[in-house]
Amino acid sequence: MLMVATKEEAGLREDVLAAFDRFDQAGQTETPSWLRALHKGGIAHFAELGFPTTKHEEWRFTNVSAIANTRWELAEERARTVTEKEVAGVAFNDLPARRLVFVDGWFAPELSAKELTNGPLRVESLYSAARSTFPLLNHHLARHARYDGNAFVALNTAFLNDGAVIAVSPGEIIKEPIYLLHISSGSAASRVCHPRTLVLAQRGSSVKVVEHYVGLGNQPSFTNSVIEIVLEENARVEHCKVQEEPLSNFHVATIQTQQARDSHLLSHSISMGAGLTRNNINCALDGTNIECTLNGLYLGRGRQVVDHHTAIFHNQPNCNSHEFYHGILDERSQGVFNGKIFVRPEAQKTDAKQTNRNLLLSNDATVDTKPQLEIFADDVKCTHGATIGQLDAESIFYLRARGIGLENARKMLLHAFASEIVNRISLDPVRERLDSQLFDLYERE
């Protein structure tokens, strides 16, 4: 449905278009023609779409007017220097990984691993990859995450400049994970960055990728990220996204995955920070015998809004998908879960399961949950379910009968509820750090 912009909305849209003109002019001499074409396609779609409002069905529970009504300044390169000590204070320091650090959306080589690319594994900043000979980048970048119907993906594509490129050669098993640390410096108000990541796991390869979003200051900023993950035949990818930005920040992210036959995807989304978070997770199962598992945990406090929108497209037969999302909402926070499973007519023998469980710790906390199935095949096993409530009374009684006080029993159950999702992460340092944070949050005296 075409939405007519108000004068104010049109003015703000013009402000974005003016910012794009400055961005485009600055990059004329060094930006490849194919990348400039993507930029222009992105801004054209954004000009048509504008920011979504609560009148749009997909956004009716999540109001992004605070984003739309702010005149954001594109973060400049080297606007803020971050020290190794500051990185150590926020990073997964025990994670043995190839680390790439980004500050306000810009690659910081002095804070990153010195040896990134190594034979069958190519890891580099998107900025440098786009200006080198890398035909796979042109073939895949912005070819999977649709920007003709999503204003935030269109905006990211319009200002696409830096981020990460990860490409694994056929048959290679990469044991050391790739760690992408995104730092919002908080050095100035109203900064925006649009990090972009492409992960390409070629035929028979395996790789693990961690995306970690943190902040150092409390100045309002906006992160609008997009990651495209492509799994070729028999490839395996574990993707873990942890969002811990300050409550003054806004965070919108799109995760787009594309799977070929016999591939396996394991994805985790952990949302603990930002005043407003929206995660769009879209998975296309385009071959037979695919496994796709999505895990999610979201914690809300104060007036936080945490929104997960997932869509899994079963396009071929004999594929399995599993979704497990847990939410814990306290004070006046709001959680949103909208999960869709589409089963095409040719996708017989589909096995799809979707579960969303929520705990409300306050009378003022709310959750809007909407699991959905659209099935056009007749030989399938599909289930979905959602629960909203408080801690189980029988479990509390069981613990109290064993001498545990009421408050400690509640804390133990909350920790266990959250850890059920975190424990699915295979990377020990990430899992242990998150579990320690959950213990501090719910159990420590």
Protein backbone atom coordinates (compact mmCIF):
# COMPACT_ATOMS: atom_id res chain seq x y z
CA MET A 1 0.00 0.00 0.00
CA LEU A 2 1.38 3.41 -0.98
CA MET A 3 1.76 5.69 2.03
CA VAL A 4 1.61 9.46 1.38
CA ALA A 5 4.31 11.31 3.32
CA THR A 6 3.42 14.26 5.51
CA LYS A 7 5.27 17.55 4.95
CA GLU A 8 7.49 16.82 7.95
CA GLU A 9 8.27 13.29 6.75
CA ALA A 10 9.00 14.58 3.27
CA GLY A 11 11.35 17.19 4.73
CA LEU A 12 13.25 14.58 6.71
CA ARG A 13 13.46 12.39 3.64
CA GLU A 14 14.94 15.32 1.72
CA ASP A 15 17.51 15.63 4.50
CA VAL A 16 18.58 12.03 3.91
CA LEU A 17 18.74 12.62 0.16
CA ALA A 18 20.95 15.67 0.73
CA ALA A 19 23.25 13.58 2.94
CA PHE A 20 23.44 10.99 0.17
CA ASP A 21 24.42 13.61 -2.39
CA ARG A 22 27.34 14.65 -0.17
CA PHE A 23 28.32 11.00 0.34
CA ASP A 24 28.11 10.28 -3.40
CA GLN A 25 30.15 13.33 -4.36
CA ALA A 26 32.88 12.47 -1.84
CA GLY A 27 33.31 8.97 -3.29
CA GLN A 28 33.10 9.74 -7.00
CA THR A 29 36.77 9.27 -7.84
CA GLU A 30 37.51 6.05 -5.94
CA THR A 31 34.21 4.15 -5.73
CA PRO A 32 33.83 1.41 -8.40
CA SER A 33 31.00 1.96 -10.86
CA TRP A 34 29.16 -1.22 -9.83
CA LEU A 35 29.18 -0.08 -6.18
CA ARG A 36 27.96 3.41 -7.07
CA ALA A 37 25.11 1.76 -8.97
CA LEU A 38 24.14 -0.09 -5.77
CA HIS A 39 24.29 3.19 -3.85
CA LYS A 40 21.97 4.88 -6.31
CA GLY A 41 19.58 1.92 -6.33
CA GLY A 42 19.43 1.96 -2.55
CA ILE A 43 18.69 5.67 -2.25
CA ALA A 44 16.08 5.49 -5.01
CA HIS A 45 14.18 2.79 -3.11
CA PHE A 46 14.52 4.66 0.18
CA ALA A 47 13.15 7.83 -1.43
CA GLU A 48 10.15 5.79 -2.55
CA LEU A 49 9.62 3.94 0.73
CA GLY A 50 10.56 6.43 3.42
CA PHE A 51 10.77 5.34 7.05
CA PRO A 52 8.05 2.88 8.10
CA THR A 53 5.33 3.92 10.53
CA THR A 54 3.00 2.02 12.82
CA LYS A 55 0.47 2.13 9.98
CA HIS A 56 2.57 -0.48 8.22
CA GLU A 57 1.52 -3.98 9.30
CA GLU A 58 5.10 -5.20 9.78
CA TRP A 59 5.86 -2.24 12.05
CA ARG A 60 2.64 -1.67 13.94
CA PHE A 61 4.11 -2.70 17.32
CA THR A 62 7.44 -0.91 16.85
CA ASN A 63 7.47 2.85 16.52
CA VAL A 64 10.64 4.13 14.81
CA SER A 65 9.59 7.79 14.77
CA ALA A 66 12.51 8.63 17.08
CA ILE A 67 14.84 7.41 14.32
CA ALA A 68 12.87 9.05 11.52
CA ASN A 69 12.64 12.40 13.32
CA THR A 70 16.38 12.72 13.98
CA ARG A 71 18.76 14.29 11.50
CA TRP A 72 21.61 11.80 11.68
CA GLU A 73 25.17 12.66 10.75
CA LEU A 74 27.11 9.98 8.90
CA ALA A 75 30.08 8.91 11.01
CA GLU A 76 33.34 10.09 9.47
CA GLU A 77 36.45 7.95 9.29
CA ARG A 78 38.77 8.42 12.27
CA ALA A 79 36.33 10.75 14.02
CA ARG A 80 37.21 9.01 17.29
CA THR A 81 40.33 7.03 18.22
CA VAL A 82 39.65 3.97 20.37
CA THR A 83 42.42 2.47 22.47
CA GLU A 84 43.38 -1.17 23.00
CA LYS A 85 42.40 -0.78 26.66
CA GLU A 86 38.90 0.35 25.69
CA VAL A 87 38.58 -2.60 23.31
CA ALA A 88 39.70 -5.00 26.05
CA GLY A 89 36.98 -3.63 28.30
CA VAL A 90 34.16 -4.65 25.94
CA ALA A 91 35.46 -7.51 23.75
CA PHE A 92 35.26 -11.29 24.08
CA ASN A 93 38.93 -11.34 25.07
CA ASP A 94 39.18 -15.10 25.57
CA LEU A 95 37.82 -15.90 22.13
CA PRO A 96 40.60 -17.31 19.92
CA ALA A 97 39.58 -15.70 16.67
CA ARG A 98 40.55 -13.54 13.72
CA ARG A 99 39.29 -10.21 15.01
CA LEU A 100 38.14 -7.27 12.92
CA VAL A 101 37.27 -4.09 14.85
CA PHE A 102 35.03 -1.36 13.46
CA VAL A 103 34.65 2.04 15.10
CA ASP A 104 31.49 3.93 14.11
CA GLY A 105 31.24 1.66 11.08
CA TRP A 106 34.86 2.11 9.91
CA PHE A 107 37.46 -0.66 9.90
CA ALA A 108 40.22 -0.06 12.46
CA PRO A 109 43.26 -2.11 11.31
CA GLU A 110 45.39 -1.10 14.31
CA LEU A 111 42.88 -2.79 16.63
CA SER A 112 42.34 -5.85 14.44
CA ALA A 113 44.29 -9.05 13.85
CA LYS A 114 47.38 -8.57 11.73
CA GLU A 115 46.90 -11.79 9.76
CA LEU A 116 43.33 -11.94 8.45
CA THR A 117 43.45 -13.62 5.05
CA ASN A 118 45.17 -16.99 5.11
CA GLY A 119 45.14 -19.22 2.03
CA PRO A 120 41.67 -20.74 1.74
CA LEU A 121 40.11 -18.07 3.98
CA ARG A 122 39.70 -14.51 2.75
CA VAL A 123 38.83 -11.95 5.43
CA GLU A 124 39.11 -8.21 4.86
CA SER A 125 37.29 -4.94 5.15
CA LEU A 126 34.55 -4.40 2.60
CA TYR A 127 36.05 -1.03 1.68
CA SER A 128 39.30 -2.60 0.50
CA ALA A 129 37.63 -5.68 -1.01
CA ALA A 130 35.36 -3.51 -3.17
CA ARG A 131 38.41 -1.75 -4.60
CA SER A 132 40.33 -4.94 -5.41
CA THR A 133 39.84 -7.83 -7.80
CA PHE A 134 37.22 -9.98 -6.09
CA PRO A 135 34.53 -11.14 -8.56
CA LEU A 136 32.57 -13.05 -5.89
CA LEU A 137 31.91 -9.78 -4.06
CA ASN A 138 30.22 -8.19 -7.04
CA HIS A 139 28.26 -11.39 -7.63
CA HIS A 140 26.84 -11.65 -4.08
CA LEU A 141 26.89 -8.24 -2.36
CA ALA A 142 23.37 -6.78 -2.11
CA ARG A 143 22.00 -9.65 -4.23
CA HIS A 144 20.29 -11.44 -1.33
CA ALA A 145 19.08 -8.81 1.17
CA ARG A 146 16.20 -7.17 -0.70
CA TYR A 147 16.27 -3.39 -0.57
CA ASP A 148 13.24 -2.72 -2.72
CA GLY A 149 10.78 -3.35 0.13
CA ASN A 150 12.73 -2.61 3.31
CA ALA A 151 13.59 1.04 3.97
CA PHE A 152 16.43 0.24 6.37
CA VAL A 153 18.12 -2.19 3.97
CA ALA A 154 17.69 0.42 1.23
CA LEU A 155 19.31 3.02 3.49
CA ASN A 156 22.19 0.68 4.32
CA THR A 157 22.72 -0.07 0.62
CA ALA A 158 22.64 3.63 -0.27
CA PHE A 159 25.46 4.38 2.21
CA LEU A 160 27.24 1.03 1.85
CA ASN A 161 30.92 1.77 2.35
CA ASP A 162 32.66 -0.41 4.93
CA GLY A 163 32.16 -3.64 6.81
CA ALA A 164 33.52 -7.15 6.44
CA VAL A 165 33.90 -9.74 3.71
CA ILE A 166 34.42 -13.37 4.72
CA ALA A 167 34.88 -15.98 1.98
CA VAL A 168 35.79 -19.63 2.62
CA SER A 169 37.15 -21.76 -0.22
CA PRO A 170 35.40 -25.03 -1.17
CA GLY A 171 35.95 -27.91 1.22
CA GLU A 172 37.80 -25.86 3.86
CA ILE A 173 36.96 -26.27 7.55
CA ILE A 174 37.85 -23.07 9.42
CA LYS A 175 38.17 -23.91 13.11
CA GLU A 176 39.10 -20.45 14.38
CA PRO A 177 36.01 -18.19 14.41
CA ILE A 178 35.83 -14.79 12.75
CA TYR A 179 35.07 -12.06 15.30
CA LEU A 180 33.52 -8.79 14.11
CA LEU A 181 33.54 -6.22 16.92
CA HIS A 182 31.46 -3.12 16.15
CA ILE A 183 32.08 -0.23 18.55
CA SER A 184 29.86 2.82 18.76
CA SER A 185 32.24 5.45 20.12
CA GLY A 186 29.57 7.79 21.50
CA SER A 187 31.88 10.72 20.78
CA ALA A 188 29.15 12.91 19.30
CA ALA A 189 25.37 12.95 19.27
CA SER A 190 23.26 11.76 16.34
CA ARG A 191 25.91 9.65 14.63
CA VAL A 192 24.76 6.93 12.22
CA CYS A 193 26.70 4.06 10.68
CA HIS A 194 25.65 1.43 8.14
CA PRO A 195 27.97 -1.60 8.49
CA ARG A 196 27.62 -4.29 5.83
CA THR A 197 28.91 -7.87 6.00
CA LEU A 198 29.04 -10.63 3.40
CA VAL A 199 29.76 -14.21 4.47
CA LEU A 200 30.30 -16.73 1.66
CA ALA A 201 30.73 -20.38 2.68
CA GLN A 202 31.52 -22.15 -0.54
CA ARG A 203 30.72 -25.79 -1.30
CA GLY A 204 31.58 -28.18 1.55
CA SER A 205 33.15 -25.48 3.76
CA SER A 206 32.54 -24.59 7.41
CA VAL A 207 32.97 -21.34 9.36
CA LYS A 208 31.82 -19.63 12.58
CA VAL A 209 31.17 -15.88 12.72
CA VAL A 210 30.54 -13.68 15.78
CA GLU A 211 29.01 -10.20 15.38
CA HIS A 212 29.34 -8.13 18.56
CA TYR A 213 27.86 -4.63 18.95
CA VAL A 214 28.94 -2.49 21.91
CA GLY A 215 29.20 1.19 22.85
CA LEU A 216 31.63 3.35 24.81
CA GLY A 217 29.62 6.53 25.39
CA ASN A 218 26.05 7.61 26.02
CA GLN A 219 25.60 10.04 23.13
CA PRO A 220 22.62 8.88 21.01
CA SER A 221 23.68 6.95 17.92
CA PHE A 222 22.07 4.74 15.33
CA THR A 223 23.45 1.46 13.96
CA ASN A 224 21.78 0.14 10.80
CA SER A 225 23.50 -3.13 9.88
CA VAL A 226 22.97 -5.74 7.18
CA ILE A 227 24.65 -9.14 6.92
CA GLU A 228 24.23 -11.52 3.98
CA ILE A 229 25.18 -15.15 4.64
CA VAL A 230 25.44 -17.48 1.66
CA LEU A 231 25.80 -21.23 2.18
CA GLU A 232 26.62 -23.27 -0.91
CA GLU A 233 26.08 -27.04 -1.14
CA ASN A 234 26.97 -28.95 2.04
CA ALA A 235 28.35 -25.83 3.76
CA ARG A 236 28.04 -25.16 7.48
CA VAL A 237 27.84 -21.76 9.20
CA GLU A 238 27.31 -20.84 12.84
CA HIS A 239 26.46 -17.16 13.23
CA CYS A 240 26.23 -15.50 16.63
CA LYS A 241 25.05 -11.88 16.96
CA VAL A 242 25.36 -10.24 20.38
CA GLN A 243 23.97 -6.71 20.79
CA GLU A 244 25.03 -4.83 23.96
CA GLU A 245 24.87 -1.18 22.89
CA PRO A 246 23.95 1.58 25.39
CA LEU A 247 20.29 2.33 26.02
CA SER A 248 20.76 5.70 24.30
CA ASN A 249 21.36 3.88 20.99
CA PHE A 250 19.05 2.69 18.25
CA HIS A 251 19.82 -0.60 16.53
CA VAL A 252 18.22 -1.99 13.37
CA ALA A 253 19.66 -5.11 11.78
CA THR A 254 18.86 -7.38 8.87
CA ILE A 255 20.23 -10.91 8.70
CA GLN A 256 19.62 -12.50 5.29
CA THR A 257 20.65 -16.12 4.71
CA GLN A 258 20.62 -18.12 1.49
CA GLN A 259 21.08 -21.91 1.69
CA ALA A 260 21.77 -24.49 -1.00
CA ARG A 261 21.14 -28.24 -0.65
CA ASP A 262 22.60 -30.22 2.27
CA SER A 263 23.73 -27.05 4.06
CA HIS A 264 23.45 -26.38 7.81
CA LEU A 265 22.87 -23.00 9.46
CA LEU A 266 22.95 -22.36 13.20
CA SER A 267 22.16 -18.75 14.12
CA HIS A 268 21.91 -17.02 17.52
CA SER A 269 20.54 -13.54 18.21
CA ILE A 270 21.20 -12.17 21.70
CA SER A 271 19.71 -8.71 22.34
CA MET A 272 20.59 -7.11 25.66
CA GLY A 273 21.14 -3.43 24.86
CA ALA A 274 19.93 -0.36 22.90
CA GLY A 275 16.79 1.59 23.69
CA LEU A 276 15.16 0.33 20.49
CA THR A 277 16.20 -2.83 18.66
CA ARG A 278 14.71 -4.35 15.53
CA ASN A 279 16.15 -7.59 14.13
CA ASN A 280 14.87 -8.80 10.76
CA ILE A 281 16.01 -12.38 10.13
CA ASN A 282 15.11 -13.84 6.73
CA CYS A 283 16.15 -17.33 5.65
CA ALA A 284 15.71 -18.79 2.16
CA LEU A 285 15.97 -22.59 1.98
CA ASP A 286 16.63 -23.05 -1.74
CA GLY A 287 17.78 -26.68 -1.86
CA THR A 288 16.87 -30.10 -0.49
CA ASN A 289 17.97 -31.61 2.85
CA ILE A 290 18.70 -28.28 4.52
CA GLU A 291 18.93 -27.69 8.28
CA CYS A 292 18.18 -24.20 9.61
CA THR A 293 18.10 -23.38 13.33
CA LEU A 294 17.42 -19.93 14.78
CA ASN A 295 17.90 -19.22 18.49
CA GLY A 296 17.06 -15.92 20.14
CA LEU A 297 17.18 -14.30 23.56
CA TYR A 298 15.98 -10.77 24.30
CA LEU A 299 16.10 -8.97 27.62
CA GLY A 300 14.19 -5.74 28.25
CA ARG A 301 14.26 -3.20 31.07
CA GLY A 302 13.29 0.43 31.52
CA ARG A 303 11.48 1.49 28.36
CA GLN A 304 13.43 -0.71 25.97
CA VAL A 305 11.75 -2.00 22.82
CA VAL A 306 13.14 -5.28 21.45
CA ASP A 307 11.64 -6.61 18.21
CA HIS A 308 12.47 -9.83 16.35
CA HIS A 309 10.86 -10.45 12.96
CA THR A 310 11.78 -13.80 11.40
CA ALA A 311 10.78 -15.33 8.07
CA ILE A 312 11.82 -18.80 6.90
CA PHE A 313 11.02 -19.72 3.31
CA HIS A 314 10.83 -23.47 2.65
CA ASN A 315 11.25 -23.51 -1.12
CA GLN A 316 12.36 -27.13 -1.66
CA PRO A 317 11.43 -30.55 -0.15
CA ASN A 318 12.98 -32.45 2.76
CA CYS A 319 14.16 -29.45 4.79
CA ASN A 320 14.04 -28.82 8.55
CA SER A 321 13.82 -25.51 10.38
CA HIS A 322 13.69 -24.88 14.12
CA GLU A 323 13.17 -21.59 15.97
CA PHE A 324 13.54 -21.05 19.71
CA TYR A 325 13.09 -17.50 21.06
CA HIS A 326 12.96 -16.53 24.74
CA GLY A 327 12.15 -13.08 26.10
CA ILE A 328 12.40 -11.63 29.62
CA LEU A 329 10.74 -8.21 30.00
CA ASP A 330 10.89 -6.04 33.11
CA GLU A 331 9.70 -2.58 34.17
CA ARG A 332 8.02 -0.81 31.19
CA SER A 333 9.87 -2.63 28.43
CA GLN A 334 8.21 -4.05 25.32
CA GLY A 335 9.03 -7.22 23.43
CA VAL A 336 7.86 -8.10 19.93
CA PHE A 337 8.15 -11.45 18.17
CA ASN A 338 6.74 -12.01 14.70
CA GLY A 339 7.74 -15.33 13.19
CA LYS A 340 6.64 -16.55 9.76
CA ILE A 341 7.15 -19.93 8.15
CA PHE A 342 6.31 -20.19 4.44
CA VAL A 343 6.04 -23.66 2.87
CA ARG A 344 5.87 -23.62 -0.93
CA PRO A 345 3.79 -26.22 -2.84
CA GLU A 346 6.93 -28.12 -3.92
CA ALA A 347 8.36 -28.20 -0.38
CA GLN A 348 6.98 -31.59 0.63
CA LYS A 349 8.39 -33.41 3.68
CA THR A 350 9.03 -30.10 5.43
CA ASP A 351 9.59 -30.26 9.19
CA ALA A 352 9.29 -26.81 10.77
CA LYS A 353 8.97 -25.93 14.44
CA GLN A 354 8.67 -22.49 16.01
CA THR A 355 8.52 -21.64 19.72
CA ASN A 356 8.37 -18.26 21.43
CA ARG A 357 8.30 -18.10 25.25
CA ASN A 358 8.12 -14.88 27.26
CA LEU A 359 8.34 -13.99 30.94
CA LEU A 360 6.91 -10.72 32.22
CA LEU A 361 8.49 -9.52 35.47
CA SER A 362 6.38 -6.38 35.79
CA ASN A 363 2.73 -5.48 35.35
CA ASP A 364 3.85 -2.70 33.01
CA ALA A 365 5.97 -4.90 30.69
CA THR A 366 4.32 -6.08 27.46
CA VAL A 367 4.92 -8.62 24.71
CA ASP A 368 3.28 -8.81 21.30
CA THR A 369 3.85 -12.24 19.78
CA LYS A 370 2.56 -13.50 16.45
CA PRO A 371 3.80 -16.89 15.21
CA GLN A 372 2.49 -17.66 11.73
CA LEU A 373 2.40 -20.55 9.28
CA GLU A 374 1.58 -20.33 5.57
CA ILE A 375 1.55 -23.85 4.18
CA PHE A 376 0.87 -24.74 0.53
CA ALA A 377 2.10 -28.35 0.67
CA ASP A 378 0.19 -31.32 2.10
CA ASP A 379 2.93 -33.67 3.37
CA VAL A 380 4.52 -31.57 6.11
CA LYS A 381 5.03 -31.41 9.88
CA CYS A 382 4.74 -27.82 11.07
CA THR A 383 4.09 -26.55 14.58
CA HIS A 384 4.23 -23.19 16.29
CA GLY A 385 3.49 -21.92 19.75
CA ALA A 386 3.83 -18.88 21.97
CA THR A 387 3.53 -18.38 25.72
CA ILE A 388 3.38 -15.22 27.83
CA GLY A 389 3.37 -15.46 31.58
CA GLN A 390 5.27 -15.46 34.81
CA LEU A 391 7.55 -18.01 36.43
CA ASP A 392 6.09 -21.48 36.84
CA ALA A 393 4.55 -21.83 40.31
CA GLU A 394 5.30 -25.58 40.51
CA SER A 395 8.99 -25.00 39.78
CA ILE A 396 9.16 -22.32 42.50
CA PHE A 397 7.41 -24.67 44.93
CA TYR A 398 9.86 -27.47 44.06
CA LEU A 399 12.87 -25.25 44.85
CA ARG A 400 11.33 -23.83 48.02
CA ALA A 401 10.58 -27.35 49.26
CA ARG A 402 14.32 -27.94 49.12
CA GLY A 403 15.13 -25.02 51.36
CA ILE A 404 15.67 -22.31 48.74
CA GLY A 405 14.10 -18.94 49.52
CA LEU A 406 11.45 -17.43 47.28
CA GLU A 407 13.64 -14.67 45.83
CA ASN A 408 16.57 -17.01 45.16
CA ALA A 409 14.21 -19.52 43.56
CA ARG A 410 12.91 -16.83 41.21
CA LYS A 411 16.46 -15.76 40.30
CA MET A 412 17.56 -19.34 39.61
CA LEU A 413 14.59 -19.96 37.32
CA LEU A 414 15.16 -16.72 35.40
CA HIS A 415 18.81 -17.61 34.88
CA ALA A 416 17.88 -21.11 33.72
CA PHE A 417 15.25 -19.75 31.31
CA ALA A 418 17.76 -17.40 29.65
CA SER A 419 20.60 -19.93 29.72
CA GLU A 420 18.50 -22.44 27.78
CA ILE A 421 19.14 -20.26 24.71
CA VAL A 422 22.70 -19.17 25.51
CA ASN A 423 23.80 -22.77 26.09
CA ARG A 424 23.08 -23.52 22.42
CA ILE A 425 26.11 -21.42 21.40
CA SER A 426 29.03 -23.74 20.61
CA LEU A 427 31.77 -21.14 21.16
CA ASP A 428 32.83 -21.62 24.79
CA PRO A 429 34.20 -18.10 25.54
CA VAL A 430 31.09 -16.41 24.15
CA ARG A 431 28.71 -18.78 25.91
CA GLU A 432 30.56 -18.58 29.23
CA ARG A 433 30.82 -14.77 29.17
CA LEU A 434 27.08 -14.42 28.42
CA ASP A 435 26.15 -16.95 31.08
CA SER A 436 28.29 -15.06 33.59
CA GLN A 437 26.46 -11.85 32.71
CA LEU A 438 23.13 -13.61 33.19
CA PHE A 439 24.29 -14.87 36.58
CA ASP A 440 25.26 -11.33 37.59
CA LEU A 441 21.91 -10.04 36.37
CA TYR A 442 19.64 -12.61 37.97
CA GLU A 443 21.47 -14.51 40.74
CA ARG A 444 24.26 -12.48 42.27
CA GLU A 445 23.32 -11.00 45.64
